[in-house]
């Protein structure tokens, strides 16, 4: 795929980026080089390579899904400037 000034202008419009005429001449070959690198990556043989979530072989420890804090509304609301029925009271900000 060839990147010309019209394509750069369209990409800039879609990205909502203001681009001058000089910028179009500068970015067209830059984007063409990026696409060239992407085409090179597509030629790499990845048969038999499993997808990775991480490059290190670390098994994450799982913790039990238990409630270990809370259940004491008085402690939770101790720093609240105002509370009602175990809820924070905040001032109305929408008119």
PDB file of N, CA and C in Angstrom:
ATOM      1  N   UNK A   1       0.845  -1.177   0.000  1.00  0.00           N
ATOM      2  CA  UNK A   1       0.000   0.000   0.000  1.00  0.00           C
ATOM      3  C   UNK A   1       0.883   1.230   0.000  1.00  0.00           C
ATOM      4  N   UNK A   2       0.573   2.150  -0.842  1.00  0.00           N
ATOM      5  CA  UNK A   2       1.351   3.369  -0.952  1.00  0.00           C
ATOM      6  C   UNK A   2       0.665   4.488  -0.176  1.00  0.00           C
ATOM      7  N   UNK A   3       1.448   5.200   0.596  1.00  0.00           N
ATOM      8  CA  UNK A   3       0.921   6.323   1.374  1.00  0.00           C
ATOM      9  C   UNK A   3       1.252   7.610   0.640  1.00  0.00           C
ATOM     10  N   UNK A   4       0.227   8.335   0.238  1.00  0.00           N
ATOM     11  CA  UNK A   4       0.437   9.629  -0.407  1.00  0.00           C
ATOM     12  C   UNK A   4      -0.129  10.736   0.477  1.00  0.00           C
ATOM     13  N   UNK A   5      -0.042  11.955  -0.001  1.00  0.00           N
ATOM     14  CA  UNK A   5      -0.495  13.099   0.800  1.00  0.00           C
ATOM     15  C   UNK A   5      -1.991  13.024   1.104  1.00  0.00           C
ATOM     16  N   UNK A   6      -2.770  12.518   0.168  1.00  0.00           N
ATOM     17  CA  UNK A   6      -4.217  12.414   0.381  1.00  0.00           C
ATOM     18  C   UNK A   6      -4.522  11.430   1.512  1.00  0.00           C
ATOM     19  N   UNK A   7      -3.765  10.328   1.568  1.00  0.00           N
ATOM     20  CA  UNK A   7      -3.970   9.338   2.627  1.00  0.00           C
ATOM     21  C   UNK A   7      -3.578   9.913   3.977  1.00  0.00           C
ATOM     22  N   UNK A   8      -2.463  10.641   4.017  1.00  0.00           N
ATOM     23  CA  UNK A   8      -2.033  11.277   5.270  1.00  0.00           C
ATOM     24  C   UNK A   8      -3.082  12.288   5.718  1.00  0.00           C
ATOM     25  N   UNK A   9      -3.631  13.045   4.787  1.00  0.00           N
ATOM     26  CA  UNK A   9      -4.657  14.035   5.121  1.00  0.00           C
ATOM     27  C   UNK A   9      -5.889  13.343   5.694  1.00  0.00           C
ATOM     28  N   UNK A  10      -6.285  12.196   5.114  1.00  0.00           N
ATOM     29  CA  UNK A  10      -7.450  11.468   5.606  1.00  0.00           C
ATOM     30  C   UNK A  10      -7.196  10.912   7.005  1.00  0.00           C
ATOM     31  N   UNK A  11      -6.000  10.352   7.227  1.00  0.00           N
ATOM     32  CA  UNK A  11      -5.648   9.834   8.557  1.00  0.00           C
ATOM     33  C   UNK A  11      -5.670  10.962   9.582  1.00  0.00           C
ATOM     34  N   UNK A  12      -5.126  12.108   9.207  1.00  0.00           N
ATOM     35  CA  UNK A  12      -5.114  13.258  10.123  1.00  0.00           C
ATOM     36  C   UNK A  12      -6.528  13.724  10.429  1.00  0.00           C
ATOM     37  N   UNK A  13      -7.394  13.704   9.445  1.00  0.00           N
ATOM     38  CA  UNK A  13      -8.779  14.100   9.669  1.00  0.00           C
ATOM     39  C   UNK A  13      -9.475  13.127  10.616  1.00  0.00           C
ATOM     40  N   UNK A  14      -9.262  11.831  10.397  1.00  0.00           N
ATOM     41  CA  UNK A  14      -9.876  10.829  11.266  1.00  0.00           C
ATOM     42  C   UNK A  14      -9.354  10.918  12.694  1.00  0.00           C
ATOM     43  N   UNK A  15      -8.074  11.285  12.842  1.00  0.00           N
ATOM     44  CA  UNK A  15      -7.474  11.415  14.165  1.00  0.00           C
ATOM     45  C   UNK A  15      -7.700  12.799  14.755  1.00  0.00           C
ATOM     46  N   UNK A  16      -8.352  13.671  13.983  1.00  0.00           N
ATOM     47  CA  UNK A  16      -8.623  15.044  14.400  1.00  0.00           C
ATOM     48  C   UNK A  16      -7.331  15.782  14.737  1.00  0.00           C
ATOM     49  N   UNK A  17      -6.365  15.646  13.832  1.00  0.00           N
ATOM     50  CA  UNK A  17      -5.071  16.308  13.974  1.00  0.00           C
ATOM     51  C   UNK A  17      -4.931  17.322  12.844  1.00  0.00           C
ATOM     52  N   UNK A  18      -4.565  18.550  13.198  1.00  0.00           N
ATOM     53  CA  UNK A  18      -4.352  19.578  12.182  1.00  0.00           C
ATOM     54  C   UNK A  18      -2.963  19.368  11.583  1.00  0.00           C
ATOM     55  N   UNK A  19      -2.908  19.223  10.266  1.00  0.00           N
ATOM     56  CA  UNK A  19      -1.654  18.963   9.574  1.00  0.00           C
ATOM     57  C   UNK A  19      -1.495  19.998   8.461  1.00  0.00           C
ATOM     58  N   UNK A  20      -0.320  20.622   8.422  1.00  0.00           N
ATOM     59  CA  UNK A  20      -0.044  21.598   7.363  1.00  0.00           C
ATOM     60  C   UNK A  20       0.415  20.870   6.108  1.00  0.00           C
ATOM     61  N   UNK A  21       0.525  21.625   5.036  1.00  0.00           N
ATOM     62  CA  UNK A  21       0.957  21.051   3.756  1.00  0.00           C
ATOM     63  C   UNK A  21       2.389  20.524   3.855  1.00  0.00           C
ATOM     64  N   UNK A  22       3.241  21.221   4.602  1.00  0.00           N
ATOM     65  CA  UNK A  22       4.622  20.747   4.791  1.00  0.00           C
ATOM     66  C   UNK A  22       4.640  19.445   5.592  1.00  0.00           C
ATOM     67  N   UNK A  23       3.742  19.347   6.578  1.00  0.00           N
ATOM     68  CA  UNK A  23       3.668  18.130   7.379  1.00  0.00           C
ATOM     69  C   UNK A  23       3.251  16.933   6.535  1.00  0.00           C
ATOM     70  N   UNK A  24       2.377  17.157   5.569  1.00  0.00           N
ATOM     71  CA  UNK A  24       1.942  16.062   4.702  1.00  0.00           C
ATOM     72  C   UNK A  24       3.136  15.467   3.963  1.00  0.00           C
ATOM     73  N   UNK A  25       4.015  16.321   3.469  1.00  0.00           N
ATOM     74  CA  UNK A  25       5.201  15.846   2.757  1.00  0.00           C
ATOM     75  C   UNK A  25       6.156  15.107   3.691  1.00  0.00           C
ATOM     76  N   UNK A  26       6.191  15.495   4.949  1.00  0.00           N
ATOM     77  CA  UNK A  26       7.077  14.863   5.919  1.00  0.00           C
ATOM     78  C   UNK A  26       6.525  13.511   6.386  1.00  0.00           C
ATOM     79  N   UNK A  27       5.222  13.455   6.682  1.00  0.00           N
ATOM     80  CA  UNK A  27       4.638  12.253   7.271  1.00  0.00           C
ATOM     81  C   UNK A  27       4.378  11.131   6.273  1.00  0.00           C
ATOM     82  N   UNK A  28       4.190  11.425   5.017  1.00  0.00           N
ATOM     83  CA  UNK A  28       3.903  10.385   4.025  1.00  0.00           C
ATOM     84  C   UNK A  28       5.009   9.325   3.981  1.00  0.00           C
ATOM     85  N   UNK A  29       6.292   9.697   3.832  1.00  0.00           N
ATOM     86  CA  UNK A  29       7.323   8.643   3.833  1.00  0.00           C
ATOM     87  C   UNK A  29       7.490   7.976   5.195  1.00  0.00           C
ATOM     88  N   UNK A  30       7.229   8.719   6.280  1.00  0.00           N
ATOM     89  CA  UNK A  30       7.328   8.132   7.617  1.00  0.00           C
ATOM     90  C   UNK A  30       6.305   7.005   7.785  1.00  0.00           C
ATOM     91  N   UNK A  31       5.084   7.266   7.395  1.00  0.00           N
ATOM     92  CA  UNK A  31       4.039   6.252   7.490  1.00  0.00           C
ATOM     93  C   UNK A  31       4.310   5.088   6.538  1.00  0.00           C
ATOM     94  N   UNK A  32       4.860   5.385   5.364  1.00  0.00           N
ATOM     95  CA  UNK A  32       5.215   4.332   4.417  1.00  0.00           C
ATOM     96  C   UNK A  32       6.271   3.410   5.024  1.00  0.00           C
ATOM     97  N   UNK A  33       7.246   3.959   5.749  1.00  0.00           N
ATOM     98  CA  UNK A  33       8.270   3.142   6.406  1.00  0.00           C
ATOM     99  C   UNK A  33       7.665   2.266   7.498  1.00  0.00           C
ATOM    100  N   UNK A  34       6.718   2.810   8.246  1.00  0.00           N
ATOM    101  CA  UNK A  34       6.062   2.026   9.300  1.00  0.00           C
ATOM    102  C   UNK A  34       5.319   0.841   8.687  1.00  0.00           C
ATOM    103  N   UNK A  35       4.613   1.079   7.602  1.00  0.00           N
ATOM    104  CA  UNK A  35       3.907  -0.018   6.931  1.00  0.00           C
ATOM    105  C   UNK A  35       4.884  -1.045   6.372  1.00  0.00           C
ATOM    106  N   UNK A  36       6.045  -0.588   5.928  1.00  0.00           N
ATOM    107  CA  UNK A  36       7.074  -1.509   5.446  1.00  0.00           C
ATOM    108  C   UNK A  36       7.552  -2.435   6.552  1.00  0.00           C
ATOM    109  N   UNK A  37       7.750  -1.895   7.740  1.00  0.00           N
ATOM    110  CA  UNK A  37       8.141  -2.723   8.884  1.00  0.00           C
ATOM    111  C   UNK A  37       7.043  -3.731   9.221  1.00  0.00           C
ATOM    112  N   UNK A  38       5.796  -3.304   9.169  1.00  0.00           N
ATOM    113  CA  UNK A  38       4.687  -4.215   9.462  1.00  0.00           C
ATOM    114  C   UNK A  38       4.634  -5.344   8.439  1.00  0.00           C
ATOM    115  N   UNK A  39       4.909  -5.051   7.175  1.00  0.00           N
ATOM    116  CA  UNK A  39       4.932  -6.092   6.148  1.00  0.00           C
ATOM    117  C   UNK A  39       6.062  -7.079   6.401  1.00  0.00           C
ATOM    118  N   UNK A  40       7.214  -6.584   6.862  1.00  0.00           N
ATOM    119  CA  UNK A  40       8.323  -7.486   7.196  1.00  0.00           C
ATOM    120  C   UNK A  40       7.950  -8.416   8.345  1.00  0.00           C
ATOM    121  N   UNK A  41       7.241  -7.896   9.326  1.00  0.00           N
ATOM    122  CA  UNK A  41       6.828  -8.722  10.455  1.00  0.00           C
ATOM    123  C   UNK A  41       5.853  -9.811  10.034  1.00  0.00           C
ATOM    124  N   UNK A  42       5.027  -9.544   9.047  1.00  0.00           N
ATOM    125  CA  UNK A  42       4.080 -10.545   8.566  1.00  0.00           C
ATOM    126  C   UNK A  42       4.782 -11.710   7.888  1.00  0.00           C
ATOM    127  N   UNK A  43       6.017 -11.518   7.428  1.00  0.00           N
ATOM    128  CA  UNK A  43       6.749 -12.573   6.743  1.00  0.00           C
ATOM    129  C   UNK A  43       7.460 -13.517   7.710  1.00  0.00           C
ATOM    130  N   UNK A  44       7.500 -13.185   8.996  1.00  0.00           N
ATOM    131  CA  UNK A  44       8.175 -14.020   9.977  1.00  0.00           C
ATOM    132  C   UNK A  44       7.356 -15.290  10.206  1.00  0.00           C
ATOM    133  N   UNK A  45       8.025 -16.442  10.184  1.00  0.00           N
ATOM    134  CA  UNK A  45       7.356 -17.723  10.390  1.00  0.00           C
ATOM    135  C   UNK A  45       7.100 -17.919  11.881  1.00  0.00           C
ATOM    136  N   UNK A  46       5.847 -17.959  12.259  1.00  0.00           N
ATOM    137  CA  UNK A  46       5.478 -18.139  13.667  1.00  0.00           C
ATOM    138  C   UNK A  46       4.763 -19.464  13.896  1.00  0.00           C
ATOM    139  N   UNK A  47       4.915 -20.407  12.985  1.00  0.00           N
ATOM    140  CA  UNK A  47       4.292 -21.723  13.156  1.00  0.00           C
ATOM    141  C   UNK A  47       4.873 -22.400  14.390  1.00  0.00           C
ATOM    142  N   UNK A  48       4.020 -22.934  15.224  1.00  0.00           N
ATOM    143  CA  UNK A  48       4.462 -23.645  16.419  1.00  0.00           C
ATOM    144  C   UNK A  48       4.828 -22.748  17.583  1.00  0.00           C
ATOM    145  N   UNK A  49       4.676 -21.460  17.445  1.00  0.00           N
ATOM    146  CA  UNK A  49       4.969 -20.540  18.540  1.00  0.00           C
ATOM    147  C   UNK A  49       3.661 -20.230  19.254  1.00  0.00           C
ATOM    148  N   UNK A  50       3.630 -20.551  20.537  1.00  0.00           N
ATOM    149  CA  UNK A  50       2.399 -20.317  21.292  1.00  0.00           C
ATOM    150  C   UNK A  50       2.322 -18.854  21.725  1.00  0.00           C
ATOM    151  N   UNK A  51       1.126 -18.302  21.782  1.00  0.00           N
ATOM    152  CA  UNK A  51       0.973 -16.922  22.241  1.00  0.00           C
ATOM    153  C   UNK A  51       1.422 -16.787  23.691  1.00  0.00           C
ATOM    154  N   UNK A  52       1.978 -15.627  24.014  1.00  0.00           N
ATOM    155  CA  UNK A  52       2.479 -15.374  25.363  1.00  0.00           C
ATOM    156  C   UNK A  52       1.692 -14.265  26.033  1.00  0.00           C
ATOM    157  N   UNK A  53       1.429 -14.431  27.301  1.00  0.00           N
ATOM    158  CA  UNK A  53       0.888 -13.333  28.100  1.00  0.00           C
ATOM    159  C   UNK A  53       2.033 -12.592  28.763  1.00  0.00           C
ATOM    160  N   UNK A  54       3.152 -13.297  28.962  1.00  0.00           N
ATOM    161  CA  UNK A  54       4.332 -12.714  29.570  1.00  0.00           C
ATOM    162  C   UNK A  54       5.543 -13.487  29.079  1.00  0.00           C
ATOM    163  N   UNK A  55       6.681 -12.835  29.008  1.00  0.00           N
ATOM    164  CA  UNK A  55       7.891 -13.512  28.550  1.00  0.00           C
ATOM    165  C   UNK A  55       8.568 -14.290  29.662  1.00  0.00           C
ATOM    166  N   UNK A  56       8.178 -14.051  30.895  1.00  0.00           N
ATOM    167  CA  UNK A  56       8.770 -14.781  32.012  1.00  0.00           C
ATOM    168  C   UNK A  56       7.840 -15.904  32.455  1.00  0.00           C
ATOM    169  N   UNK A  57       8.422 -16.977  32.929  1.00  0.00           N
ATOM    170  CA  UNK A  57       7.669 -18.163  33.343  1.00  0.00           C
ATOM    171  C   UNK A  57       7.304 -18.079  34.823  1.00  0.00           C
ATOM    172  N   UNK A  58       6.604 -17.049  35.221  1.00  0.00           N
ATOM    173  CA  UNK A  58       6.236 -16.870  36.617  1.00  0.00           C
ATOM    174  C   UNK A  58       4.765 -17.230  36.785  1.00  0.00           C
ATOM    175  N   UNK A  59       4.505 -18.131  37.718  1.00  0.00           N
ATOM    176  CA  UNK A  59       3.118 -18.488  38.026  1.00  0.00           C
ATOM    177  C   UNK A  59       2.632 -17.564  39.133  1.00  0.00           C
ATOM    178  N   UNK A  60       1.551 -16.907  38.894  1.00  0.00           N
ATOM    179  CA  UNK A  60       1.007 -15.983  39.882  1.00  0.00           C
ATOM    180  C   UNK A  60       0.289 -16.734  40.984  1.00  0.00           C
ATOM    181  N   UNK A  61       0.498 -16.267  42.202  1.00  0.00           N
ATOM    182  CA  UNK A  61      -0.207 -16.874  43.318  1.00  0.00           C
ATOM    183  C   UNK A  61      -1.623 -16.315  43.364  1.00  0.00           C
ATOM    184  N   UNK A  62      -2.581 -17.171  43.567  1.00  0.00           N
ATOM    185  CA  UNK A  62      -3.960 -16.746  43.688  1.00  0.00           C
ATOM    186  C   UNK A  62      -4.331 -16.696  45.158  1.00  0.00           C
ATOM    187  N   UNK A  63      -5.029 -15.661  45.548  1.00  0.00           N
ATOM    188  CA  UNK A  63      -5.470 -15.570  46.935  1.00  0.00           C
ATOM    189  C   UNK A  63      -6.952 -15.925  47.008  1.00  0.00           C
ATOM    190  N   UNK A  64      -7.363 -16.291  48.170  1.00  0.00           N
ATOM    191  CA  UNK A  64      -8.776 -16.618  48.372  1.00  0.00           C
ATOM    192  C   UNK A  64      -9.613 -15.359  48.229  1.00  0.00           C
ATOM    193  N   UNK A  65     -10.752 -15.500  47.624  1.00  0.00           N
ATOM    194  CA  UNK A  65     -11.647 -14.372  47.416  1.00  0.00           C
ATOM    195  C   UNK A  65     -12.571 -14.241  48.622  1.00  0.00           C
ATOM    196  N   UNK A  66     -12.040 -13.611  49.662  1.00  0.00           N
ATOM    197  CA  UNK A  66     -12.815 -13.444  50.888  1.00  0.00           C
ATOM    198  C   UNK A  66     -12.814 -11.971  51.277  1.00  0.00           C
ATOM    199  N   UNK A  67     -13.848 -11.562  51.956  1.00  0.00           N
ATOM    200  CA  UNK A  67     -13.932 -10.197  52.457  1.00  0.00           C
ATOM    201  C   UNK A  67     -13.044 -10.109  53.684  1.00  0.00           C
ATOM    202  N   UNK A  68     -12.060  -9.220  53.637  1.00  0.00           N
ATOM    203  CA  UNK A  68     -11.166  -9.111  54.771  1.00  0.00           C
ATOM    204  C   UNK A  68     -11.173  -7.715  55.391  1.00  0.00           C
ATOM    205  N   UNK A  69     -12.024  -6.856  54.893  1.00  0.00           N
ATOM    206  CA  UNK A  69     -12.121  -5.511  55.443  1.00  0.00           C
ATOM    207  C   UNK A  69     -13.552  -5.022  55.207  1.00  0.00           C
ATOM    208  N   UNK A  70     -13.995  -4.164  56.041  1.00  0.00           N
ATOM    209  CA  UNK A  70     -15.336  -3.631  55.875  1.00  0.00           C
ATOM    210  C   UNK A  70     -16.290  -4.247  56.873  1.00  0.00           C
ATOM    211  N   UNK A  71     -17.515  -4.005  56.657  1.00  0.00           N
ATOM    212  CA  UNK A  71     -18.523  -4.523  57.559  1.00  0.00           C
ATOM    213  C   UNK A  71     -18.659  -3.695  58.824  1.00  0.00           C
ATOM    214  N   UNK A  72     -17.843  -2.643  58.954  1.00  0.00           N
ATOM    215  CA  UNK A  72     -17.913  -1.777  60.125  1.00  0.00           C
ATOM    216  C   UNK A  72     -18.121  -0.348  59.627  1.00  0.00           C
ATOM    217  N   UNK A  73     -19.353   0.010  59.418  1.00  0.00           N
ATOM    218  CA  UNK A  73     -19.692   1.308  58.846  1.00  0.00           C
ATOM    219  C   UNK A  73     -19.186   2.457  59.697  1.00  0.00           C
ATOM    220  N   UNK A  74     -19.145   2.293  61.001  1.00  0.00           N
ATOM    221  CA  UNK A  74     -18.683   3.376  61.873  1.00  0.00           C
ATOM    222  C   UNK A  74     -17.229   3.734  61.575  1.00  0.00           C
ATOM    223  N   UNK A  75     -16.379   2.736  61.351  1.00  0.00           N
ATOM    224  CA  UNK A  75     -14.980   3.005  61.029  1.00  0.00           C
ATOM    225  C   UNK A  75     -14.846   3.622  59.642  1.00  0.00           C
ATOM    226  N   UNK A  76     -15.626   3.130  58.706  1.00  0.00           N
ATOM    227  CA  UNK A  76     -15.544   3.637  57.336  1.00  0.00           C
ATOM    228  C   UNK A  76     -15.990   5.086  57.277  1.00  0.00           C
ATOM    229  N   UNK A  77     -17.032   5.432  58.000  1.00  0.00           N
ATOM    230  CA  UNK A  77     -17.588   6.779  57.947  1.00  0.00           C
ATOM    231  C   UNK A  77     -16.975   7.721  58.985  1.00  0.00           C
ATOM    232  N   UNK A  78     -15.965   7.268  59.733  1.00  0.00           N
ATOM    233  CA  UNK A  78     -15.379   8.099  60.797  1.00  0.00           C
ATOM    234  C   UNK A  78     -14.801   9.402  60.259  1.00  0.00           C
ATOM    235  N   UNK A  79     -14.259   9.404  59.063  1.00  0.00           N
ATOM    236  CA  UNK A  79     -13.648  10.613  58.496  1.00  0.00           C
ATOM    237  C   UNK A  79     -14.600  11.415  57.614  1.00  0.00           C
ATOM    238  N   UNK A  80     -15.797  10.954  57.460  1.00  0.00           N
ATOM    239  CA  UNK A  80     -16.752  11.665  56.608  1.00  0.00           C
ATOM    240  C   UNK A  80     -17.234  12.918  57.315  1.00  0.00           C
ATOM    241  N   UNK A  81     -17.282  14.040  56.591  1.00  0.00           N
ATOM    242  CA  UNK A  81     -17.797  15.264  57.207  1.00  0.00           C
ATOM    243  C   UNK A  81     -19.268  15.147  57.584  1.00  0.00           C
ATOM    244  N   UNK A  82     -20.013  14.346  56.809  1.00  0.00           N
ATOM    245  CA  UNK A  82     -21.432  14.166  57.103  1.00  0.00           C
ATOM    246  C   UNK A  82     -21.874  12.807  56.574  1.00  0.00           C
ATOM    247  N   UNK A  83     -22.695  12.102  57.339  1.00  0.00           N
ATOM    248  CA  UNK A  83     -23.219  10.815  56.897  1.00  0.00           C
ATOM    249  C   UNK A  83     -24.650  10.659  57.382  1.00  0.00           C
ATOM    250  N   UNK A  84     -25.396   9.841  56.638  1.00  0.00           N
ATOM    251  CA  UNK A  84     -26.776   9.543  56.987  1.00  0.00           C
ATOM    252  C   UNK A  84     -27.041   8.080  56.669  1.00  0.00           C
ATOM    253  N   UNK A  85     -27.564   7.340  57.641  1.00  0.00           N
ATOM    254  CA  UNK A  85     -27.934   5.938  57.464  1.00  0.00           C
ATOM    255  C   UNK A  85     -26.802   5.121  56.833  1.00  0.00           C
ATOM    256  N   UNK A  86     -25.586   5.267  57.357  1.00  0.00           N
ATOM    257  CA  UNK A  86     -24.393   4.547  56.899  1.00  0.00           C
ATOM    258  C   UNK A  86     -23.987   4.850  55.463  1.00  0.00           C
ATOM    259  N   UNK A  87     -24.279   6.058  54.982  1.00  0.00           N
ATOM    260  CA  UNK A  87     -23.858   6.511  53.656  1.00  0.00           C
ATOM    261  C   UNK A  87     -23.198   7.872  53.795  1.00  0.00           C
ATOM    262  N   UNK A  88     -22.261   8.168  52.880  1.00  0.00           N
ATOM    263  CA  UNK A  88     -21.679   9.500  52.807  1.00  0.00           C
ATOM    264  C   UNK A  88     -22.733  10.471  52.304  1.00  0.00           C
ATOM    265  N   UNK A  89     -22.707  11.681  52.803  1.00  0.00           N
ATOM    266  CA  UNK A  89     -23.571  12.741  52.303  1.00  0.00           C
ATOM    267  C   UNK A  89     -22.680  13.717  51.554  1.00  0.00           C
ATOM    268  N   UNK A  90     -23.010  13.935  50.294  1.00  0.00           N
ATOM    269  CA  UNK A  90     -22.242  14.869  49.475  1.00  0.00           C
ATOM    270  C   UNK A  90     -23.174  15.954  48.963  1.00  0.00           C
ATOM    271  N   UNK A  91     -22.600  17.118  48.705  1.00  0.00           N
ATOM    272  CA  UNK A  91     -23.423  18.223  48.226  1.00  0.00           C
ATOM    273  C   UNK A  91     -23.764  18.012  46.760  1.00  0.00           C
ATOM    274  N   UNK A  92     -24.892  18.560  46.370  1.00  0.00           N
ATOM    275  CA  UNK A  92     -25.355  18.461  44.997  1.00  0.00           C
ATOM    276  C   UNK A  92     -24.471  19.337  44.126  1.00  0.00           C
ATOM    277  N   UNK A  93     -23.959  18.771  43.015  1.00  0.00           N
ATOM    278  CA  UNK A  93     -23.096  19.551  42.144  1.00  0.00           C
ATOM    279  C   UNK A  93     -23.709  19.790  40.765  1.00  0.00           C
ATOM    280  N   UNK A  94     -24.847  19.161  40.476  1.00  0.00           N
ATOM    281  CA  UNK A  94     -25.510  19.357  39.190  1.00  0.00           C
ATOM    282  C   UNK A  94     -26.740  20.225  39.436  1.00  0.00           C
ATOM    283  N   UNK A  95     -26.878  21.232  38.614  1.00  0.00           N
ATOM    284  CA  UNK A  95     -28.033  22.114  38.792  1.00  0.00           C
ATOM    285  C   UNK A  95     -29.095  21.830  37.771  1.00  0.00           C
TER     286      UNK A  95
END
